[in-house]
Amino acid sequence: MPLGGDNQFHCLVETSGFNSEPDAEKLGEFLESIMAEGIVVNGVLAENETQLQSLWACRGGISEASQHFGGVCKYDLSIPSPDL
């Protein structure tokens, strides 16, 4: 896992927009603010396609790994842009 520690919950967020640099900057600022408020303990941002694919590979391995440790709760959510 890209994040160490004994965290009970992990959240993988992927966004897409028209301007990747300003969007990445906004996402980084958002992550910093929720960490400062104590809502999130730790976070990581993918800096390139390889890191992005690595994060999704971690997510993809949850089903297989959960068979070794019992049940797991996972949810995939998509929110239409107008409702965001």
C-alpha atoms as a PDB file:
ATOM      1  CA  MET A   1       0.000   0.000   0.000  1.00  0.00           C
ATOM      2  CA  PRO A   2       1.231   3.484  -0.719  1.00  0.00           C
ATOM      3  CA  LEU A   3       0.200   4.590   2.762  1.00  0.00           C
ATOM      4  CA  GLY A   4       1.548   2.857   5.826  1.00  0.00           C
ATOM      5  CA  GLY A   5      -0.101   2.632   9.201  1.00  0.00           C
ATOM      6  CA  ASP A   6      -3.014   0.773  10.644  1.00  0.00           C
ATOM      7  CA  ASN A   7      -5.909   2.648   9.061  1.00  0.00           C
ATOM      8  CA  GLN A   8      -9.355   1.069   9.037  1.00  0.00           C
ATOM      9  CA  PHE A   9     -10.571   2.936   5.965  1.00  0.00           C
ATOM     10  CA  HIS A  10      -9.054   4.012   2.686  1.00  0.00           C
ATOM     11  CA  CYS A  11     -10.601   6.128  -0.039  1.00  0.00           C
ATOM     12  CA  LEU A  12      -9.444   6.245  -3.645  1.00  0.00           C
ATOM     13  CA  VAL A  13     -10.600   9.329  -5.531  1.00  0.00           C
ATOM     14  CA  GLU A  14     -10.100   9.882  -9.232  1.00  0.00           C
ATOM     15  CA  THR A  15     -11.098  13.124 -10.878  1.00  0.00           C
ATOM     16  CA  SER A  16     -11.030  14.289 -14.448  1.00  0.00           C
ATOM     17  CA  GLY A  17     -11.255  17.760 -15.846  1.00  0.00           C
ATOM     18  CA  PHE A  18     -10.236  19.889 -18.760  1.00  0.00           C
ATOM     19  CA  ASN A  19      -7.055  21.376 -17.215  1.00  0.00           C
ATOM     20  CA  SER A  20      -4.987  18.746 -15.449  1.00  0.00           C
ATOM     21  CA  GLU A  21      -2.466  21.099 -13.774  1.00  0.00           C
ATOM     22  CA  PRO A  22      -5.002  23.459 -12.119  1.00  0.00           C
ATOM     23  CA  ASP A  23      -7.201  20.467 -11.254  1.00  0.00           C
ATOM     24  CA  ALA A  24      -4.285  18.664  -9.581  1.00  0.00           C
ATOM     25  CA  GLU A  25      -3.435  21.829  -7.659  1.00  0.00           C
ATOM     26  CA  LYS A  26      -7.035  22.153  -6.426  1.00  0.00           C
ATOM     27  CA  LEU A  27      -7.108  18.498  -5.384  1.00  0.00           C
ATOM     28  CA  GLY A  28      -3.815  18.922  -3.514  1.00  0.00           C
ATOM     29  CA  GLU A  29      -5.139  21.982  -1.698  1.00  0.00           C
ATOM     30  CA  PHE A  30      -8.319  20.093  -0.811  1.00  0.00           C
ATOM     31  CA  LEU A  31      -6.325  17.152   0.566  1.00  0.00           C
ATOM     32  CA  GLU A  32      -4.152  19.497   2.640  1.00  0.00           C
ATOM     33  CA  SER A  33      -7.207  21.266   4.073  1.00  0.00           C
ATOM     34  CA  ILE A  34      -9.023  18.079   5.126  1.00  0.00           C
ATOM     35  CA  MET A  35      -5.818  16.735   6.656  1.00  0.00           C
ATOM     36  CA  ALA A  36      -5.372  20.001   8.579  1.00  0.00           C
ATOM     37  CA  GLU A  37      -8.937  19.664   9.885  1.00  0.00           C
ATOM     38  CA  GLY A  38      -8.265  16.098  11.022  1.00  0.00           C
ATOM     39  CA  ILE A  39     -10.857  14.605   8.669  1.00  0.00           C
ATOM     40  CA  VAL A  40      -8.170  12.625   6.867  1.00  0.00           C
ATOM     41  CA  VAL A  41      -5.074  11.201   8.561  1.00  0.00           C
ATOM     42  CA  ASN A  42      -2.877  10.643   5.525  1.00  0.00           C
ATOM     43  CA  GLY A  43      -3.028  11.035   1.766  1.00  0.00           C
ATOM     44  CA  VAL A  44      -1.130  10.602  -1.457  1.00  0.00           C
ATOM     45  CA  LEU A  45      -1.573  12.080  -4.932  1.00  0.00           C
ATOM     46  CA  ALA A  46      -0.477  10.243  -8.064  1.00  0.00           C
ATOM     47  CA  GLU A  47       2.078  12.368  -9.909  1.00  0.00           C
ATOM     48  CA  ASN A  48       2.082  10.352 -13.144  1.00  0.00           C
ATOM     49  CA  GLU A  49       0.267   7.574 -14.996  1.00  0.00           C
ATOM     50  CA  THR A  50       2.456   4.831 -13.456  1.00  0.00           C
ATOM     51  CA  GLN A  51       1.574   5.941  -9.925  1.00  0.00           C
ATOM     52  CA  LEU A  52      -2.099   6.235 -10.895  1.00  0.00           C
ATOM     53  CA  GLN A  53      -2.127   2.672 -12.238  1.00  0.00           C
ATOM     54  CA  SER A  54      -0.346   1.471  -9.091  1.00  0.00           C
ATOM     55  CA  LEU A  55      -3.057   2.980  -6.881  1.00  0.00           C
ATOM     56  CA  TRP A  56      -5.772   1.341  -8.966  1.00  0.00           C
ATOM     57  CA  ALA A  57      -3.876  -1.981  -8.791  1.00  0.00           C
ATOM     58  CA  CYS A  58      -4.020  -1.755  -4.980  1.00  0.00           C
ATOM     59  CA  ARG A  59      -7.760  -1.140  -5.241  1.00  0.00           C
ATOM     60  CA  GLY A  60      -8.165  -4.016  -7.686  1.00  0.00           C
ATOM     61  CA  GLY A  61      -6.479  -6.456  -5.281  1.00  0.00           C
ATOM     62  CA  ILE A  62      -8.973  -5.869  -2.475  1.00  0.00           C
ATOM     63  CA  SER A  63     -11.344  -8.643  -3.563  1.00  0.00           C
ATOM     64  CA  GLU A  64      -8.611 -11.267  -3.651  1.00  0.00           C
ATOM     65  CA  ALA A  65      -6.987 -10.089  -0.407  1.00  0.00           C
ATOM     66  CA  SER A  66     -10.306  -9.984   1.443  1.00  0.00           C
ATOM     67  CA  GLN A  67     -10.734 -13.730   0.914  1.00  0.00           C
ATOM     68  CA  HIS A  68      -7.738 -14.286   3.196  1.00  0.00           C
ATOM     69  CA  PHE A  69      -8.934 -11.996   5.991  1.00  0.00           C
ATOM     70  CA  GLY A  70     -12.715 -12.367   5.954  1.00  0.00           C
ATOM     71  CA  GLY A  71     -15.249  -9.849   4.712  1.00  0.00           C
ATOM     72  CA  VAL A  72     -14.605  -6.354   3.506  1.00  0.00           C
ATOM     73  CA  CYS A  73     -16.852  -3.403   2.742  1.00  0.00           C
ATOM     74  CA  LYS A  74     -16.199  -1.612  -0.501  1.00  0.00           C
ATOM     75  CA  TYR A  75     -18.297   0.751  -2.518  1.00  0.00           C
ATOM     76  CA  ASP A  76     -17.753   2.371  -5.880  1.00  0.00           C
ATOM     77  CA  LEU A  77     -19.522   5.684  -6.282  1.00  0.00           C
ATOM     78  CA  SER A  78     -19.873   7.892  -9.316  1.00  0.00           C
ATOM     79  CA  ILE A  79     -21.348  11.347  -9.029  1.00  0.00           C
ATOM     80  CA  PRO A  80     -22.511  13.236 -12.117  1.00  0.00           C
ATOM     81  CA  SER A  81     -20.692  16.554 -12.446  1.00  0.00           C
ATOM     82  CA  PRO A  82     -23.868  18.690 -12.157  1.00  0.00           C
ATOM     83  CA  ASP A  83     -24.653  17.020  -8.793  1.00  0.00           C
ATOM     84  CA  LEU A  84     -21.150  17.394  -7.420  1.00  0.00           C
END
